[in-house]
N, C-alpha and C. Protein backbone atom coordinates (compact mmCIF):
# COMPACT_ATOMS: atom_id res chain seq x y z
N MET A 1 29.29 -44.10 -67.69
CA MET A 1 30.26 -44.68 -66.68
C MET A 1 29.45 -45.45 -65.69
N THR A 2 30.01 -46.65 -65.30
CA THR A 2 29.36 -47.55 -64.43
C THR A 2 29.47 -47.04 -62.98
N PRO A 3 28.55 -47.52 -62.13
CA PRO A 3 28.73 -47.14 -60.64
C PRO A 3 30.12 -47.65 -60.13
N PHE A 4 30.49 -48.82 -60.56
CA PHE A 4 31.73 -49.33 -60.00
C PHE A 4 32.86 -48.43 -60.60
N ALA A 5 32.91 -47.98 -61.73
CA ALA A 5 33.93 -47.05 -62.27
C ALA A 5 34.02 -45.79 -61.48
N LYS A 6 32.84 -45.22 -61.09
CA LYS A 6 32.68 -44.05 -60.28
C LYS A 6 33.26 -44.28 -58.90
N LYS A 7 33.06 -45.45 -58.33
CA LYS A 7 33.64 -45.69 -57.10
C LYS A 7 35.15 -45.81 -57.20
N VAL A 8 35.64 -46.42 -58.18
CA VAL A 8 37.06 -46.57 -58.38
C VAL A 8 37.73 -45.21 -58.57
N TYR A 9 37.13 -44.33 -59.42
CA TYR A 9 37.84 -42.94 -59.59
C TYR A 9 37.78 -42.24 -58.33
N LYS A 10 36.68 -42.44 -57.46
CA LYS A 10 36.57 -41.56 -56.25
C LYS A 10 37.76 -42.18 -55.26
N ILE A 11 37.87 -43.36 -55.19
CA ILE A 11 38.86 -44.01 -54.28
C ILE A 11 40.31 -43.52 -54.64
N VAL A 12 40.49 -43.51 -55.96
CA VAL A 12 41.83 -43.13 -56.49
C VAL A 12 42.12 -41.68 -56.18
N THR A 13 41.15 -40.81 -56.24
CA THR A 13 41.28 -39.32 -55.99
C THR A 13 41.64 -39.13 -54.55
N GLU A 14 41.41 -40.08 -53.68
CA GLU A 14 41.69 -40.02 -52.30
C GLU A 14 42.95 -40.48 -51.88
N ILE A 15 43.74 -41.06 -52.69
CA ILE A 15 45.08 -41.62 -52.39
C ILE A 15 45.94 -40.31 -52.22
N PRO A 16 46.57 -40.23 -50.98
CA PRO A 16 47.47 -39.03 -50.63
C PRO A 16 48.58 -38.88 -51.68
N ILE A 17 49.01 -37.65 -51.90
CA ILE A 17 50.29 -37.38 -52.69
C ILE A 17 51.41 -38.23 -51.96
N GLY A 18 52.25 -38.71 -52.90
CA GLY A 18 53.45 -39.52 -52.36
C GLY A 18 53.23 -40.89 -51.84
N GLU A 19 51.95 -41.34 -52.03
CA GLU A 19 51.56 -42.77 -51.53
C GLU A 19 50.95 -43.58 -52.77
N VAL A 20 50.98 -44.78 -52.58
CA VAL A 20 50.34 -45.70 -53.52
C VAL A 20 49.44 -46.71 -52.92
N ARG A 21 48.50 -47.23 -53.73
CA ARG A 21 47.64 -48.32 -53.30
C ARG A 21 47.63 -49.30 -54.44
N THR A 22 47.29 -50.57 -54.07
CA THR A 22 47.26 -51.58 -55.07
C THR A 22 45.99 -51.61 -55.88
N TYR A 23 45.98 -52.21 -57.10
CA TYR A 23 44.65 -52.44 -57.68
C TYR A 23 43.74 -53.31 -56.87
N LYS A 24 44.35 -54.31 -56.22
CA LYS A 24 43.52 -55.16 -55.38
C LYS A 24 42.88 -54.39 -54.26
N LEU A 25 43.58 -53.58 -53.53
CA LEU A 25 43.00 -52.77 -52.42
C LEU A 25 41.92 -51.81 -53.05
N VAL A 26 42.12 -51.25 -54.06
CA VAL A 26 41.15 -50.26 -54.73
C VAL A 26 39.88 -51.20 -55.05
N ALA A 27 40.09 -52.30 -55.56
CA ALA A 27 38.94 -53.22 -55.87
C ALA A 27 38.09 -53.54 -54.57
N GLN A 28 38.93 -53.92 -53.50
CA GLN A 28 38.29 -54.14 -52.24
C GLN A 28 37.41 -52.98 -51.78
N LYS A 29 38.09 -51.79 -51.75
CA LYS A 29 37.39 -50.59 -51.27
C LYS A 29 36.17 -50.22 -52.08
N ALA A 30 36.16 -50.72 -53.30
CA ALA A 30 35.11 -50.41 -54.30
C ALA A 30 34.01 -51.44 -54.11
N GLY A 31 34.21 -52.42 -53.27
CA GLY A 31 33.24 -53.40 -52.99
C GLY A 31 33.25 -54.80 -53.90
N LYS A 32 34.22 -54.79 -54.68
CA LYS A 32 34.47 -56.02 -55.43
C LYS A 32 35.92 -56.54 -55.37
N PRO A 33 36.26 -57.27 -54.39
CA PRO A 33 37.54 -57.66 -54.11
C PRO A 33 38.29 -58.41 -55.10
N ARG A 34 37.64 -59.07 -56.02
CA ARG A 34 38.23 -59.94 -56.97
C ARG A 34 38.34 -59.18 -58.33
N ALA A 35 37.85 -57.95 -58.38
CA ALA A 35 37.87 -57.08 -59.64
C ALA A 35 39.05 -56.29 -59.83
N TYR A 36 40.22 -56.64 -59.43
CA TYR A 36 41.40 -55.87 -59.46
C TYR A 36 41.75 -55.63 -61.01
N ARG A 37 41.53 -56.61 -61.87
CA ARG A 37 41.74 -56.38 -63.36
C ARG A 37 40.82 -55.43 -63.92
N ALA A 38 39.65 -55.38 -63.45
CA ALA A 38 38.65 -54.28 -63.99
C ALA A 38 39.11 -52.95 -63.50
N VAL A 39 39.65 -52.93 -62.31
CA VAL A 39 40.16 -51.50 -61.83
C VAL A 39 41.38 -51.16 -62.76
N GLY A 40 42.14 -51.99 -63.15
CA GLY A 40 43.18 -51.65 -64.11
C GLY A 40 42.60 -51.11 -65.45
N GLN A 41 41.52 -51.83 -65.97
CA GLN A 41 40.97 -51.38 -67.24
C GLN A 41 40.26 -50.06 -67.00
N ILE A 42 39.56 -49.87 -65.96
CA ILE A 42 38.93 -48.56 -65.67
C ILE A 42 40.02 -47.38 -65.73
N LEU A 43 41.10 -47.62 -64.99
CA LEU A 43 42.20 -46.61 -64.88
C LEU A 43 42.87 -46.47 -66.21
N LYS A 44 42.93 -47.42 -66.98
CA LYS A 44 43.55 -47.35 -68.37
C LYS A 44 42.72 -46.36 -69.21
N HIS A 45 41.49 -46.18 -68.91
CA HIS A 45 40.64 -45.22 -69.68
C HIS A 45 40.33 -43.99 -68.92
N ASN A 46 41.11 -43.65 -67.92
CA ASN A 46 40.94 -42.53 -67.15
C ASN A 46 40.93 -41.19 -67.93
N PRO A 47 39.84 -40.51 -68.02
CA PRO A 47 39.80 -39.28 -68.88
C PRO A 47 40.49 -38.17 -68.24
N TYR A 48 40.90 -38.02 -66.98
CA TYR A 48 41.50 -36.97 -66.32
C TYR A 48 42.68 -37.44 -65.51
N PRO A 49 43.79 -37.93 -66.15
CA PRO A 49 44.83 -38.51 -65.36
C PRO A 49 45.55 -37.53 -64.38
N LEU A 50 45.46 -36.20 -64.50
CA LEU A 50 46.03 -35.28 -63.58
C LEU A 50 45.14 -34.97 -62.33
N ILE A 51 43.79 -35.26 -62.64
CA ILE A 51 42.91 -34.98 -61.54
C ILE A 51 42.57 -36.38 -60.82
N ILE A 52 42.50 -37.39 -61.56
CA ILE A 52 42.34 -38.75 -60.99
C ILE A 52 43.68 -39.45 -61.11
N PRO A 53 44.62 -39.31 -60.08
CA PRO A 53 45.94 -39.82 -60.16
C PRO A 53 46.14 -41.32 -60.15
N CYS A 54 45.85 -41.90 -61.35
CA CYS A 54 45.89 -43.32 -61.49
C CYS A 54 47.34 -43.75 -61.47
N HIS A 55 48.30 -42.86 -61.56
CA HIS A 55 49.69 -43.32 -61.48
C HIS A 55 50.05 -43.85 -60.03
N ARG A 56 49.17 -43.53 -59.09
CA ARG A 56 49.34 -43.86 -57.61
C ARG A 56 48.91 -45.33 -57.32
N VAL A 57 48.40 -46.04 -58.39
CA VAL A 57 47.83 -47.42 -58.16
C VAL A 57 48.93 -48.33 -58.83
N VAL A 58 49.35 -49.31 -58.15
CA VAL A 58 50.45 -50.33 -58.52
C VAL A 58 49.93 -51.67 -58.31
N ALA A 59 50.70 -52.71 -58.84
CA ALA A 59 50.44 -54.10 -58.55
C ALA A 59 50.61 -54.51 -57.17
N SER A 60 50.09 -55.69 -56.85
CA SER A 60 50.20 -56.18 -55.51
C SER A 60 51.60 -56.50 -55.08
N ASN A 61 52.48 -56.73 -56.03
CA ASN A 61 53.91 -56.96 -55.71
C ASN A 61 54.77 -55.71 -55.69
N ASN A 62 54.05 -54.59 -55.63
CA ASN A 62 54.59 -53.25 -55.70
C ASN A 62 55.33 -52.91 -56.94
N LYS A 63 55.17 -53.67 -58.00
CA LYS A 63 55.69 -53.23 -59.34
C LYS A 63 54.73 -52.23 -59.85
N LEU A 64 55.19 -51.49 -60.76
CA LEU A 64 54.49 -50.24 -61.25
C LEU A 64 53.20 -50.75 -62.01
N GLY A 65 53.13 -51.86 -62.64
CA GLY A 65 51.93 -52.13 -63.50
C GLY A 65 51.94 -51.36 -64.67
N GLY A 66 50.85 -51.02 -65.32
CA GLY A 66 50.81 -50.17 -66.45
C GLY A 66 50.41 -48.78 -66.15
N TYR A 67 50.65 -47.99 -67.26
CA TYR A 67 50.31 -46.50 -67.13
C TYR A 67 50.17 -45.95 -68.71
N ILE A 68 49.13 -45.28 -68.87
CA ILE A 68 48.81 -44.91 -70.23
C ILE A 68 49.93 -44.00 -70.93
N PHE A 69 50.81 -43.37 -70.03
CA PHE A 69 51.87 -42.43 -70.52
C PHE A 69 53.13 -43.24 -70.51
N GLY A 70 53.23 -44.40 -70.10
CA GLY A 70 54.42 -45.31 -69.96
C GLY A 70 54.92 -45.31 -68.58
N LEU A 71 55.73 -46.43 -68.40
CA LEU A 71 56.19 -46.74 -66.96
C LEU A 71 57.14 -45.70 -66.52
N LYS A 72 58.01 -45.13 -67.43
CA LYS A 72 59.01 -44.21 -67.04
C LYS A 72 58.35 -42.88 -66.40
N LYS A 73 57.35 -42.49 -67.10
CA LYS A 73 56.51 -41.30 -66.59
C LYS A 73 55.85 -41.61 -65.27
N LYS A 74 55.42 -42.87 -65.14
CA LYS A 74 54.59 -43.26 -63.86
C LYS A 74 55.75 -43.19 -62.75
N LYS A 75 56.87 -43.68 -62.97
CA LYS A 75 57.93 -43.67 -62.03
C LYS A 75 58.37 -42.35 -61.66
N LEU A 76 58.54 -41.48 -62.64
CA LEU A 76 58.97 -40.12 -62.46
C LEU A 76 57.79 -39.30 -61.62
N LEU A 77 56.67 -39.54 -62.00
CA LEU A 77 55.62 -38.88 -61.07
C LEU A 77 55.57 -39.41 -59.66
N LEU A 78 55.69 -40.68 -59.44
CA LEU A 78 55.74 -41.16 -58.05
C LEU A 78 57.01 -40.66 -57.36
N ASP A 79 58.15 -40.56 -57.92
CA ASP A 79 59.40 -40.19 -57.41
C ASP A 79 59.12 -38.56 -57.02
N LEU A 80 58.63 -37.83 -57.95
CA LEU A 80 58.46 -36.45 -57.69
C LEU A 80 57.43 -36.17 -56.56
N GLU A 81 56.39 -36.93 -56.43
CA GLU A 81 55.51 -36.80 -55.34
C GLU A 81 56.06 -37.23 -54.06
N LYS A 82 56.98 -38.19 -54.04
CA LYS A 82 57.64 -38.52 -52.79
C LYS A 82 58.58 -37.40 -52.31
N GLU A 83 59.29 -36.86 -53.25
CA GLU A 83 60.13 -35.68 -52.91
C GLU A 83 59.20 -34.48 -52.47
N ILE A 84 58.18 -34.26 -53.08
CA ILE A 84 57.28 -33.11 -52.54
C ILE A 84 56.77 -33.41 -51.25
N LYS A 85 56.34 -34.57 -50.90
CA LYS A 85 55.87 -35.12 -49.62
C LYS A 85 56.96 -34.90 -48.55
N GLN A 86 58.15 -35.20 -48.88
CA GLN A 86 59.29 -35.09 -47.94
C GLN A 86 59.66 -33.66 -47.73
N CYS A 87 59.55 -32.79 -48.72
CA CYS A 87 59.81 -31.35 -48.54
C CYS A 87 58.69 -30.64 -47.71
N LEU A 88 57.54 -31.17 -47.85
CA LEU A 88 56.38 -30.59 -47.04
C LEU A 88 56.52 -30.97 -45.70
N ALA A 89 56.85 -32.14 -45.44
CA ALA A 89 57.02 -32.74 -44.04
C ALA A 89 58.18 -32.08 -43.41
N SER A 90 59.31 -31.79 -44.00
CA SER A 90 60.42 -31.17 -43.35
C SER A 90 60.38 -29.67 -43.53
N LYS A 91 59.42 -29.04 -44.25
CA LYS A 91 59.14 -27.63 -44.32
C LYS A 91 60.33 -27.02 -45.09
N ARG A 92 60.79 -27.69 -46.18
CA ARG A 92 61.97 -27.23 -46.94
C ARG A 92 61.46 -26.44 -48.15
N TYR A 93 60.39 -25.72 -48.16
CA TYR A 93 59.94 -25.06 -49.36
C TYR A 93 59.97 -23.63 -49.16
């Protein structure tokens, strides 16, 4: 694994539940602002999608972009996380 890939995975693991970041922002935080496509390729090969929540990374226009398990599942996970975040904030658990 490259040092850049390690940075990308670390940044993605720090995205809070119920929130998203763009491929571009992840690339910027990893020190290569123009490498947003490389970020997508790295996340495409994510060996631990439940630990490294790559579903929280979206395109700059806030469209879902790609997801190894399909866009329906990506949307489902994001919606579920938003609901969990709202429940935790309102203490409805």
